[in-house]
């Protein structure tokens, strides 16, 4: 395995760990930082070595989540606790919707495309780029600059993105029966 592949693999594993830690904090509501390591990392199945490194990796992931504003730390009786923030709850909901899309992808295609069209103004470029990146990572196919297609129901994800990014009026969700010259789209998604 080349160096670039190894780095990419490591970054993915860090992301999985952060998602697991965030999910654990969300389920627990508030979680003692000292308690998080054994339980969370065992769910992931040996994230890289010895058991004593588990605590280190979980605390590092928790620190990265705090840097992103997804969790906050509280002190009670001399112990440190992590609590999920509103931004963390939104991120978790977005991750859940993207996971649901991956599950729907395995189901039989209903012969309808879901098309998302957006027109986010230039002064909100960062939000527009965030929307594009999220759609790309969720598996959408870009037809034109601000036109994306997906072959399965993704209305919940789009509604969540519209609310989270405050772009409700700038985004349209369409259900389309036919797209002209769509053989390449079907090939891309492996449907047909």
N, C-alpha and C. Protein backbone atom coordinates (compact mmCIF):
# COMPACT_ATOMS: atom_id res chain seq x y z
N UNK A 1 0.85 -1.18 0.00
CA UNK A 1 0.00 0.00 0.00
C UNK A 1 0.89 1.23 0.00
N UNK A 2 0.59 2.19 -0.89
CA UNK A 2 1.38 3.41 -1.00
C UNK A 2 1.13 4.36 0.16
N UNK A 3 1.98 5.35 0.25
CA UNK A 3 1.90 6.31 1.35
C UNK A 3 0.58 7.09 1.33
N UNK A 4 0.15 7.53 0.15
CA UNK A 4 -1.08 8.28 0.03
C UNK A 4 -2.29 7.43 0.44
N UNK A 5 -2.31 6.18 0.01
CA UNK A 5 -3.39 5.27 0.40
C UNK A 5 -3.42 5.07 1.91
N UNK A 6 -2.27 4.91 2.50
CA UNK A 6 -2.18 4.72 3.95
C UNK A 6 -2.69 5.95 4.70
N UNK A 7 -2.31 7.14 4.22
CA UNK A 7 -2.79 8.37 4.85
C UNK A 7 -4.31 8.49 4.73
N UNK A 8 -4.84 8.16 3.57
CA UNK A 8 -6.28 8.23 3.36
C UNK A 8 -7.00 7.24 4.27
N UNK A 9 -6.43 6.04 4.41
CA UNK A 9 -7.02 5.03 5.28
C UNK A 9 -7.04 5.51 6.72
N UNK A 10 -5.94 6.13 7.15
CA UNK A 10 -5.84 6.63 8.52
C UNK A 10 -6.87 7.75 8.76
N UNK A 11 -7.02 8.65 7.80
CA UNK A 11 -8.01 9.73 7.93
C UNK A 11 -9.42 9.17 8.04
N UNK A 12 -9.74 8.12 7.24
CA UNK A 12 -11.06 7.50 7.33
C UNK A 12 -11.28 6.90 8.71
N UNK A 13 -10.25 6.23 9.24
CA UNK A 13 -10.39 5.61 10.56
C UNK A 13 -10.61 6.66 11.63
N UNK A 14 -9.92 7.80 11.53
CA UNK A 14 -10.14 8.89 12.50
C UNK A 14 -11.57 9.38 12.43
N UNK A 15 -12.09 9.48 11.18
CA UNK A 15 -13.48 9.91 11.00
C UNK A 15 -14.46 8.93 11.61
N UNK A 16 -14.20 7.63 11.43
CA UNK A 16 -15.07 6.61 12.02
C UNK A 16 -15.06 6.73 13.54
N UNK A 17 -13.89 6.94 14.10
CA UNK A 17 -13.75 7.06 15.55
C UNK A 17 -14.50 8.29 16.05
N UNK A 18 -14.35 9.42 15.36
CA UNK A 18 -15.06 10.62 15.78
C UNK A 18 -16.57 10.41 15.72
N UNK A 19 -17.05 9.75 14.66
CA UNK A 19 -18.48 9.48 14.55
C UNK A 19 -18.97 8.59 15.69
N UNK A 20 -18.18 7.59 16.04
CA UNK A 20 -18.56 6.68 17.13
C UNK A 20 -18.57 7.41 18.46
N UNK A 21 -17.58 8.25 18.69
CA UNK A 21 -17.51 9.00 19.95
C UNK A 21 -18.69 9.97 20.01
N UNK A 22 -18.96 10.68 18.92
CA UNK A 22 -20.08 11.61 18.90
C UNK A 22 -21.40 10.88 19.15
N UNK A 23 -21.58 9.74 18.51
CA UNK A 23 -22.79 8.95 18.73
C UNK A 23 -22.92 8.48 20.16
N UNK A 24 -21.80 8.09 20.76
CA UNK A 24 -21.81 7.64 22.15
C UNK A 24 -22.19 8.78 23.09
N UNK A 25 -21.63 9.97 22.86
CA UNK A 25 -21.96 11.12 23.69
C UNK A 25 -23.43 11.48 23.51
N UNK A 26 -23.94 11.38 22.27
CA UNK A 26 -25.34 11.69 22.01
C UNK A 26 -26.27 10.73 22.72
N UNK A 27 -25.95 9.45 22.69
CA UNK A 27 -26.80 8.45 23.34
C UNK A 27 -26.77 8.61 24.85
N UNK A 28 -25.59 8.85 25.39
CA UNK A 28 -25.44 8.96 26.83
C UNK A 28 -25.93 10.31 27.34
N UNK A 29 -26.02 11.31 26.47
CA UNK A 29 -26.41 12.65 26.89
C UNK A 29 -25.22 13.40 27.45
N UNK A 30 -24.65 12.87 28.47
CA UNK A 30 -23.43 13.41 29.05
C UNK A 30 -22.59 12.22 29.44
N UNK A 31 -21.32 12.29 29.18
CA UNK A 31 -20.48 11.12 29.33
C UNK A 31 -19.17 11.49 29.99
N UNK A 32 -18.77 10.72 30.98
CA UNK A 32 -17.49 10.95 31.62
C UNK A 32 -16.39 10.66 30.63
N UNK A 33 -15.47 11.58 30.48
CA UNK A 33 -14.38 11.44 29.52
C UNK A 33 -13.54 10.21 29.84
N UNK A 34 -13.34 9.92 31.09
CA UNK A 34 -12.53 8.76 31.47
C UNK A 34 -13.23 7.46 31.12
N UNK A 35 -14.55 7.47 31.01
CA UNK A 35 -15.31 6.25 30.75
C UNK A 35 -15.48 5.96 29.26
N UNK A 36 -15.24 6.94 28.42
CA UNK A 36 -15.58 6.78 27.00
C UNK A 36 -14.71 5.78 26.27
N UNK A 37 -13.46 5.70 26.60
CA UNK A 37 -12.51 4.94 25.79
C UNK A 37 -12.83 3.46 25.64
N UNK A 38 -12.98 2.71 26.71
CA UNK A 38 -13.15 1.27 26.51
C UNK A 38 -14.40 0.92 25.71
N UNK A 39 -15.51 1.54 26.03
CA UNK A 39 -16.77 1.16 25.40
C UNK A 39 -16.84 1.56 23.94
N UNK A 40 -16.48 2.78 23.63
CA UNK A 40 -16.59 3.27 22.26
C UNK A 40 -15.66 2.52 21.33
N UNK A 41 -14.43 2.38 21.70
CA UNK A 41 -13.45 1.80 20.79
C UNK A 41 -13.63 0.30 20.63
N UNK A 42 -14.20 -0.36 21.61
CA UNK A 42 -14.45 -1.79 21.44
C UNK A 42 -15.53 -2.01 20.38
N UNK A 43 -16.46 -1.05 20.26
CA UNK A 43 -17.48 -1.15 19.21
C UNK A 43 -16.84 -1.15 17.83
N UNK A 44 -15.75 -0.42 17.70
CA UNK A 44 -15.10 -0.29 16.40
C UNK A 44 -14.18 -1.46 16.10
N UNK A 45 -13.85 -2.23 17.07
CA UNK A 45 -13.03 -3.41 16.85
C UNK A 45 -11.57 -3.12 16.61
N UNK A 46 -10.86 -2.78 17.64
CA UNK A 46 -9.40 -2.63 17.55
C UNK A 46 -8.96 -1.55 16.60
N UNK A 47 -9.16 -0.32 16.98
CA UNK A 47 -8.81 0.80 16.12
C UNK A 47 -7.31 1.04 16.05
N UNK A 48 -6.51 0.10 16.32
CA UNK A 48 -5.11 0.34 16.12
C UNK A 48 -4.25 0.01 17.30
N UNK A 49 -4.33 -1.16 17.80
CA UNK A 49 -3.31 -1.54 18.75
C UNK A 49 -3.81 -1.93 20.12
N UNK A 50 -2.97 -1.60 21.07
CA UNK A 50 -3.17 -2.06 22.44
C UNK A 50 -4.31 -1.33 23.13
N UNK A 51 -4.83 -1.97 24.19
CA UNK A 51 -5.97 -1.41 24.91
C UNK A 51 -5.67 -0.07 25.56
N UNK A 52 -4.46 0.13 26.02
CA UNK A 52 -4.19 1.40 26.70
C UNK A 52 -4.18 2.57 25.72
N UNK A 53 -3.99 2.29 24.43
CA UNK A 53 -4.06 3.35 23.43
C UNK A 53 -5.50 3.76 23.16
N UNK A 54 -6.47 2.90 23.49
CA UNK A 54 -7.87 3.22 23.25
C UNK A 54 -8.25 4.53 23.92
N UNK A 55 -7.89 4.70 25.17
CA UNK A 55 -8.23 5.92 25.89
C UNK A 55 -7.62 7.14 25.24
N UNK A 56 -6.39 7.01 24.81
CA UNK A 56 -5.70 8.09 24.12
C UNK A 56 -6.42 8.48 22.84
N UNK A 57 -6.77 7.48 22.04
CA UNK A 57 -7.43 7.74 20.77
C UNK A 57 -8.81 8.37 20.98
N UNK A 58 -9.55 7.90 21.96
CA UNK A 58 -10.88 8.44 22.22
C UNK A 58 -10.79 9.88 22.70
N UNK A 59 -9.84 10.16 23.59
CA UNK A 59 -9.68 11.54 24.07
C UNK A 59 -9.25 12.46 22.94
N UNK A 60 -8.40 11.97 22.05
CA UNK A 60 -7.99 12.78 20.90
C UNK A 60 -9.19 13.05 20.00
N UNK A 61 -9.99 12.03 19.73
CA UNK A 61 -11.19 12.20 18.91
C UNK A 61 -12.15 13.17 19.58
N UNK A 62 -12.30 13.05 20.88
CA UNK A 62 -13.17 13.95 21.63
C UNK A 62 -12.65 15.38 21.54
N UNK A 63 -11.35 15.54 21.61
CA UNK A 63 -10.75 16.87 21.48
C UNK A 63 -11.02 17.47 20.10
N UNK A 64 -10.91 16.64 19.05
CA UNK A 64 -11.20 17.12 17.70
C UNK A 64 -12.68 17.51 17.57
N UNK A 65 -13.56 16.73 18.19
CA UNK A 65 -14.98 17.07 18.16
C UNK A 65 -15.24 18.38 18.89
N UNK A 66 -14.54 18.61 19.99
CA UNK A 66 -14.67 19.87 20.73
C UNK A 66 -14.15 21.03 19.89
N UNK A 67 -13.04 20.82 19.18
CA UNK A 67 -12.50 21.87 18.31
C UNK A 67 -13.49 22.26 17.22
N UNK A 68 -14.26 21.30 16.76
CA UNK A 68 -15.27 21.55 15.72
C UNK A 68 -16.56 22.12 16.31
N UNK A 69 -16.65 22.17 17.64
CA UNK A 69 -17.85 22.69 18.29
C UNK A 69 -18.97 21.69 18.39
N UNK A 70 -18.66 20.39 18.26
CA UNK A 70 -19.70 19.37 18.29
C UNK A 70 -19.96 18.82 19.69
N UNK A 71 -18.98 18.97 20.58
CA UNK A 71 -19.16 18.61 21.99
C UNK A 71 -18.53 19.72 22.85
N UNK A 72 -18.99 19.80 24.08
CA UNK A 72 -18.38 20.71 25.05
C UNK A 72 -18.01 19.89 26.28
N UNK A 73 -17.10 20.43 27.06
CA UNK A 73 -16.67 19.76 28.29
C UNK A 73 -17.21 20.50 29.50
N UNK A 74 -17.58 19.72 30.51
CA UNK A 74 -18.07 20.25 31.77
C UNK A 74 -17.31 19.57 32.90
N UNK A 75 -17.15 20.28 33.99
CA UNK A 75 -16.51 19.72 35.17
C UNK A 75 -17.57 19.56 36.25
N UNK A 76 -17.60 18.37 36.86
CA UNK A 76 -18.49 18.08 38.00
C UNK A 76 -17.73 17.24 38.99
N UNK A 77 -17.70 17.66 40.19
CA UNK A 77 -17.05 16.91 41.26
C UNK A 77 -15.64 16.48 40.88
N UNK A 78 -14.92 17.36 40.21
CA UNK A 78 -13.54 17.08 39.85
C UNK A 78 -13.37 16.16 38.65
N UNK A 79 -14.46 15.77 38.02
CA UNK A 79 -14.38 14.90 36.83
C UNK A 79 -14.81 15.70 35.61
N UNK A 80 -14.24 15.33 34.47
CA UNK A 80 -14.56 16.00 33.21
C UNK A 80 -15.59 15.17 32.45
N UNK A 81 -16.60 15.85 31.94
CA UNK A 81 -17.66 15.20 31.18
C UNK A 81 -17.80 15.86 29.82
N UNK A 82 -18.23 15.11 28.84
CA UNK A 82 -18.49 15.63 27.50
C UNK A 82 -19.99 15.66 27.27
N UNK A 83 -20.46 16.75 26.66
CA UNK A 83 -21.88 16.89 26.33
C UNK A 83 -21.98 17.30 24.86
N UNK A 84 -22.92 16.69 24.14
CA UNK A 84 -23.10 17.02 22.73
C UNK A 84 -23.77 18.39 22.61
N UNK A 85 -23.33 19.17 21.64
CA UNK A 85 -23.90 20.50 21.41
C UNK A 85 -25.00 20.39 20.36
N UNK A 86 -25.68 21.50 20.13
CA UNK A 86 -26.71 21.53 19.10
C UNK A 86 -26.08 21.27 17.73
N UNK A 87 -24.91 21.83 17.48
CA UNK A 87 -24.20 21.57 16.22
C UNK A 87 -23.84 20.09 16.11
N UNK A 88 -23.48 19.46 17.22
CA UNK A 88 -23.17 18.03 17.23
C UNK A 88 -24.39 17.20 16.91
N UNK A 89 -25.53 17.60 17.44
CA UNK A 89 -26.77 16.89 17.15
C UNK A 89 -27.13 17.00 15.67
N UNK A 90 -26.92 18.19 15.09
CA UNK A 90 -27.19 18.37 13.67
C UNK A 90 -26.24 17.51 12.82
N UNK A 91 -24.97 17.49 13.19
CA UNK A 91 -23.98 16.69 12.46
C UNK A 91 -24.34 15.21 12.54
N UNK A 92 -24.75 14.77 13.71
CA UNK A 92 -25.14 13.37 13.88
C UNK A 92 -26.37 13.04 13.03
N UNK A 93 -27.35 13.93 12.99
CA UNK A 93 -28.54 13.72 12.17
C UNK A 93 -28.17 13.64 10.69
N UNK A 94 -27.24 14.49 10.27
CA UNK A 94 -26.78 14.47 8.88
C UNK A 94 -26.08 13.16 8.56
N UNK A 95 -25.24 12.68 9.47
CA UNK A 95 -24.54 11.41 9.26
C UNK A 95 -25.54 10.25 9.19
N UNK A 96 -26.58 10.31 10.03
CA UNK A 96 -27.61 9.26 10.01
C UNK A 96 -28.35 9.25 8.68
N UNK A 97 -28.67 10.44 8.14
CA UNK A 97 -29.37 10.51 6.85
C UNK A 97 -28.49 9.99 5.72
N UNK A 98 -27.20 10.30 5.76
CA UNK A 98 -26.29 9.80 4.73
C UNK A 98 -26.16 8.28 4.81
N UNK A 99 -26.15 7.75 6.03
CA UNK A 99 -26.11 6.29 6.19
C UNK A 99 -27.40 5.67 5.66
N UNK A 100 -28.52 6.32 5.90
CA UNK A 100 -29.81 5.82 5.39
C UNK A 100 -29.82 5.81 3.85
N UNK A 101 -29.18 6.81 3.24
CA UNK A 101 -29.08 6.83 1.78
C UNK A 101 -28.30 5.64 1.26
N UNK A 102 -27.22 5.29 1.94
CA UNK A 102 -26.42 4.14 1.52
C UNK A 102 -27.24 2.86 1.60
N UNK A 103 -28.10 2.76 2.60
CA UNK A 103 -28.96 1.57 2.73
C UNK A 103 -29.99 1.56 1.61
N UNK A 104 -30.61 2.71 1.31
CA UNK A 104 -31.61 2.79 0.25
C UNK A 104 -31.01 2.46 -1.10
N UNK A 105 -29.73 2.75 -1.25
CA UNK A 105 -29.05 2.50 -2.52
C UNK A 105 -29.08 1.02 -2.89
N UNK A 106 -29.13 0.17 -1.89
CA UNK A 106 -29.14 -1.27 -2.14
C UNK A 106 -30.52 -1.78 -2.56
N UNK A 107 -31.55 -0.96 -2.34
CA UNK A 107 -32.90 -1.38 -2.69
C UNK A 107 -33.13 -1.22 -4.20
N UNK A 108 -34.20 -1.81 -4.66
CA UNK A 108 -34.55 -1.75 -6.07
C UNK A 108 -34.94 -0.32 -6.45
N UNK A 109 -34.50 0.11 -7.64
CA UNK A 109 -34.78 1.46 -8.13
C UNK A 109 -36.23 1.59 -8.56
N UNK A 110 -36.88 2.68 -8.19
CA UNK A 110 -38.29 2.89 -8.51
C UNK A 110 -38.50 3.63 -9.84
N UNK A 111 -37.45 3.75 -10.66
CA UNK A 111 -37.49 4.38 -11.98
C UNK A 111 -37.76 5.88 -11.92
N UNK A 112 -37.42 6.50 -10.81
CA UNK A 112 -37.57 7.95 -10.66
C UNK A 112 -36.25 8.53 -10.15
N UNK A 113 -35.87 9.64 -10.74
CA UNK A 113 -34.68 10.35 -10.30
C UNK A 113 -35.09 11.44 -9.30
N UNK A 114 -34.22 11.69 -8.36
CA UNK A 114 -34.41 12.82 -7.45
C UNK A 114 -33.39 13.87 -7.89
N UNK A 115 -33.86 15.02 -8.28
CA UNK A 115 -33.00 16.09 -8.78
C UNK A 115 -33.03 17.23 -7.78
N UNK A 116 -31.86 17.71 -7.44
CA UNK A 116 -31.74 18.85 -6.53
C UNK A 116 -31.12 19.99 -7.31
N UNK A 117 -31.84 21.11 -7.33
CA UNK A 117 -31.39 22.31 -8.02
C UNK A 117 -31.24 23.40 -6.97
N UNK A 118 -30.13 24.11 -7.01
CA UNK A 118 -29.96 25.19 -6.05
C UNK A 118 -29.36 26.43 -6.70
N UNK A 119 -29.67 27.56 -6.11
CA UNK A 119 -29.15 28.85 -6.55
C UNK A 119 -28.81 29.64 -5.30
N UNK A 120 -27.66 29.35 -4.73
CA UNK A 120 -27.20 30.03 -3.52
C UNK A 120 -26.37 31.23 -3.96
N UNK A 121 -26.72 32.44 -3.47
CA UNK A 121 -26.02 33.65 -3.91
C UNK A 121 -24.51 33.61 -3.65
N UNK A 122 -23.78 34.39 -4.43
CA UNK A 122 -22.32 34.44 -4.35
C UNK A 122 -21.83 34.85 -2.97
N UNK A 123 -22.54 35.74 -2.30
CA UNK A 123 -22.08 36.18 -0.97
C UNK A 123 -22.19 35.07 0.08
N UNK A 124 -22.83 33.95 -0.29
CA UNK A 124 -22.92 32.79 0.61
C UNK A 124 -22.16 31.60 0.01
N UNK A 125 -21.05 31.89 -0.61
CA UNK A 125 -20.25 30.90 -1.32
C UNK A 125 -19.83 29.73 -0.42
N UNK A 126 -19.45 30.01 0.83
CA UNK A 126 -19.01 28.94 1.75
C UNK A 126 -20.14 27.94 1.98
N UNK A 127 -21.35 28.43 2.11
CA UNK A 127 -22.51 27.55 2.30
C UNK A 127 -22.76 26.74 1.04
N UNK A 128 -22.65 27.39 -0.11
CA UNK A 128 -22.83 26.70 -1.39
C UNK A 128 -21.80 25.58 -1.55
N UNK A 129 -20.56 25.85 -1.21
CA UNK A 129 -19.51 24.84 -1.31
C UNK A 129 -19.75 23.70 -0.32
N UNK A 130 -20.22 24.04 0.87
CA UNK A 130 -20.54 23.01 1.86
C UNK A 130 -21.66 22.11 1.36
N UNK A 131 -22.66 22.69 0.73
CA UNK A 131 -23.77 21.91 0.17
C UNK A 131 -23.25 20.98 -0.93
N UNK A 132 -22.42 21.49 -1.82
CA UNK A 132 -21.85 20.66 -2.89
C UNK A 132 -21.03 19.50 -2.33
N UNK A 133 -20.19 19.81 -1.34
CA UNK A 133 -19.34 18.76 -0.76
C UNK A 133 -20.16 17.69 -0.08
N UNK A 134 -21.21 18.09 0.61
CA UNK A 134 -22.08 17.12 1.29
C UNK A 134 -22.79 16.24 0.27
N UNK A 135 -23.28 16.86 -0.79
CA UNK A 135 -23.99 16.08 -1.81
C UNK A 135 -23.03 15.12 -2.51
N UNK A 136 -21.83 15.58 -2.78
CA UNK A 136 -20.83 14.71 -3.42
C UNK A 136 -20.51 13.53 -2.52
N UNK A 137 -20.30 13.79 -1.23
CA UNK A 137 -19.95 12.70 -0.31
C UNK A 137 -21.13 11.76 -0.06
N UNK A 138 -22.36 12.25 -0.25
CA UNK A 138 -23.54 11.40 -0.08
C UNK A 138 -23.79 10.53 -1.31
N UNK A 139 -23.08 10.80 -2.41
CA UNK A 139 -23.21 9.96 -3.59
C UNK A 139 -24.01 10.55 -4.73
N UNK A 140 -24.38 11.81 -4.63
CA UNK A 140 -25.11 12.47 -5.72
C UNK A 140 -24.18 12.62 -6.92
N UNK A 141 -24.79 12.73 -8.10
CA UNK A 141 -24.05 12.94 -9.35
C UNK A 141 -24.36 14.35 -9.83
N UNK A 142 -23.32 15.11 -10.14
CA UNK A 142 -23.50 16.48 -10.61
C UNK A 142 -23.79 16.47 -12.10
N UNK A 143 -24.98 16.98 -12.48
CA UNK A 143 -25.37 17.06 -13.88
C UNK A 143 -24.87 18.36 -14.50
N UNK A 144 -25.06 19.43 -13.77
CA UNK A 144 -24.58 20.75 -14.16
C UNK A 144 -24.09 21.44 -12.89
N UNK A 145 -23.65 22.69 -13.02
CA UNK A 145 -23.04 23.40 -11.90
C UNK A 145 -23.86 23.30 -10.61
N UNK A 146 -25.14 23.56 -10.67
CA UNK A 146 -25.98 23.53 -9.48
C UNK A 146 -27.15 22.57 -9.63
N UNK A 147 -26.95 21.51 -10.39
CA UNK A 147 -27.99 20.50 -10.60
C UNK A 147 -27.39 19.14 -10.30
N UNK A 148 -28.00 18.45 -9.34
CA UNK A 148 -27.49 17.15 -8.88
C UNK A 148 -28.60 16.12 -8.96
N UNK A 149 -28.24 14.87 -9.18
CA UNK A 149 -29.23 13.81 -9.31
C UNK A 149 -28.86 12.64 -8.41
N UNK A 150 -29.91 11.95 -7.93
CA UNK A 150 -29.74 10.75 -7.12
C UNK A 150 -30.93 9.84 -7.44
N UNK A 151 -30.74 8.53 -7.55
CA UNK A 151 -31.84 7.67 -8.00
C UNK A 151 -32.78 7.17 -6.90
N UNK A 152 -32.54 7.53 -5.67
CA UNK A 152 -33.37 7.03 -4.57
C UNK A 152 -33.88 8.19 -3.72
N UNK A 153 -34.90 7.92 -2.93
CA UNK A 153 -35.50 8.93 -2.07
C UNK A 153 -34.43 9.52 -1.14
N UNK A 154 -34.28 10.83 -1.19
CA UNK A 154 -33.31 11.52 -0.34
C UNK A 154 -33.90 12.81 0.21
N UNK A 155 -35.21 12.87 0.25
CA UNK A 155 -35.91 14.08 0.68
C UNK A 155 -35.54 14.47 2.11
N UNK A 156 -35.40 13.49 3.00
CA UNK A 156 -35.06 13.81 4.39
C UNK A 156 -33.69 14.46 4.50
N UNK A 157 -32.73 13.97 3.74
CA UNK A 157 -31.40 14.56 3.76
C UNK A 157 -31.44 15.99 3.23
N UNK A 158 -32.13 16.22 2.15
CA UNK A 158 -32.21 17.56 1.57
C UNK A 158 -32.92 18.52 2.53
N UNK A 159 -33.99 18.06 3.15
CA UNK A 159 -34.70 18.90 4.13
C UNK A 159 -33.78 19.26 5.29
N UNK A 160 -33.00 18.29 5.75
CA UNK A 160 -32.06 18.54 6.83
C UNK A 160 -30.99 19.55 6.41
N UNK A 161 -30.47 19.40 5.21
CA UNK A 161 -29.47 20.34 4.71
C UNK A 161 -30.04 21.75 4.57
N UNK A 162 -31.27 21.83 4.05
CA UNK A 162 -31.91 23.14 3.91
C UNK A 162 -32.07 23.84 5.25
N UNK A 163 -32.48 23.08 6.25
CA UNK A 163 -32.66 23.67 7.58
C UNK A 163 -31.32 24.01 8.22
N UNK A 164 -30.37 23.10 8.10
CA UNK A 164 -29.07 23.29 8.74
C UNK A 164 -28.30 24.46 8.14
N UNK A 165 -28.35 24.60 6.82
CA UNK A 165 -27.59 25.65 6.14
C UNK A 165 -28.41 26.93 5.92
N UNK A 166 -29.68 26.91 6.33
CA UNK A 166 -30.59 28.06 6.19
C UNK A 166 -30.70 28.49 4.72
N UNK A 167 -30.99 27.52 3.85
CA UNK A 167 -31.08 27.80 2.42
C UNK A 167 -32.37 27.24 1.83
N UNK A 168 -33.43 27.21 2.62
CA UNK A 168 -34.68 26.60 2.18
C UNK A 168 -35.21 27.14 0.88
N UNK A 169 -35.19 28.45 0.70
CA UNK A 169 -35.75 29.04 -0.51
C UNK A 169 -34.83 28.94 -1.72
N UNK A 170 -33.58 28.58 -1.49
CA UNK A 170 -32.59 28.51 -2.57
C UNK A 170 -32.44 27.11 -3.17
N UNK A 171 -33.15 26.13 -2.63
CA UNK A 171 -32.98 24.74 -3.07
C UNK A 171 -34.33 24.15 -3.46
N UNK A 172 -34.36 23.48 -4.62
CA UNK A 172 -35.55 22.79 -5.07
C UNK A 172 -35.28 21.29 -5.15
N UNK A 173 -36.23 20.50 -4.69
CA UNK A 173 -36.16 19.05 -4.73
C UNK A 173 -37.21 18.56 -5.72
N UNK A 174 -36.78 17.85 -6.75
CA UNK A 174 -37.68 17.38 -7.79
C UNK A 174 -37.67 15.85 -7.87
N UNK A 175 -38.80 15.28 -8.21
CA UNK A 175 -38.89 13.85 -8.51
C UNK A 175 -39.21 13.77 -10.00
N UNK A 176 -38.30 13.17 -10.76
CA UNK A 176 -38.37 13.21 -12.21
C UNK A 176 -38.51 11.79 -12.76
N UNK A 177 -39.43 11.62 -13.70
CA UNK A 177 -39.67 10.33 -14.32
C UNK A 177 -38.62 10.00 -15.39
N UNK A 178 -38.25 10.98 -16.18
CA UNK A 178 -37.33 10.75 -17.30
C UNK A 178 -36.30 11.88 -17.37
N UNK A 179 -35.08 11.50 -17.76
CA UNK A 179 -34.04 12.47 -18.08
C UNK A 179 -33.51 12.09 -19.45
N UNK A 180 -33.46 13.04 -20.31
CA UNK A 180 -32.98 12.82 -21.67
C UNK A 180 -31.55 12.29 -21.67
N UNK A 181 -31.27 11.30 -22.51
CA UNK A 181 -29.94 10.69 -22.63
C UNK A 181 -29.37 10.31 -21.26
N UNK A 182 -30.11 9.48 -20.53
CA UNK A 182 -29.73 9.14 -19.16
C UNK A 182 -28.95 7.84 -19.01
N UNK A 183 -28.51 7.25 -20.10
CA UNK A 183 -27.78 5.97 -20.01
C UNK A 183 -26.53 6.10 -19.15
N UNK A 184 -25.83 7.22 -19.27
CA UNK A 184 -24.61 7.41 -18.48
C UNK A 184 -24.91 7.58 -17.00
N UNK A 185 -26.08 8.13 -16.69
CA UNK A 185 -26.48 8.28 -15.28
C UNK A 185 -26.79 6.91 -14.70
N UNK A 186 -27.54 6.10 -15.45
CA UNK A 186 -27.86 4.75 -15.01
C UNK A 186 -26.59 3.94 -14.82
N UNK A 187 -25.66 4.09 -15.74
CA UNK A 187 -24.39 3.37 -15.63
C UNK A 187 -23.63 3.81 -14.37
N UNK A 188 -23.63 5.11 -14.12
CA UNK A 188 -22.92 5.64 -12.94
C UNK A 188 -23.47 5.04 -11.65
N UNK A 189 -24.79 4.96 -11.54
CA UNK A 189 -25.42 4.45 -10.33
C UNK A 189 -25.62 2.94 -10.33
N UNK A 190 -25.37 2.30 -11.45
CA UNK A 190 -25.55 0.84 -11.53
C UNK A 190 -27.00 0.44 -11.46
N UNK A 191 -27.86 1.22 -12.10
CA UNK A 191 -29.30 0.96 -12.10
C UNK A 191 -29.75 0.72 -13.53
N UNK A 192 -30.96 0.33 -13.72
CA UNK A 192 -31.42 0.25 -15.09
C UNK A 192 -32.41 -0.77 -15.29
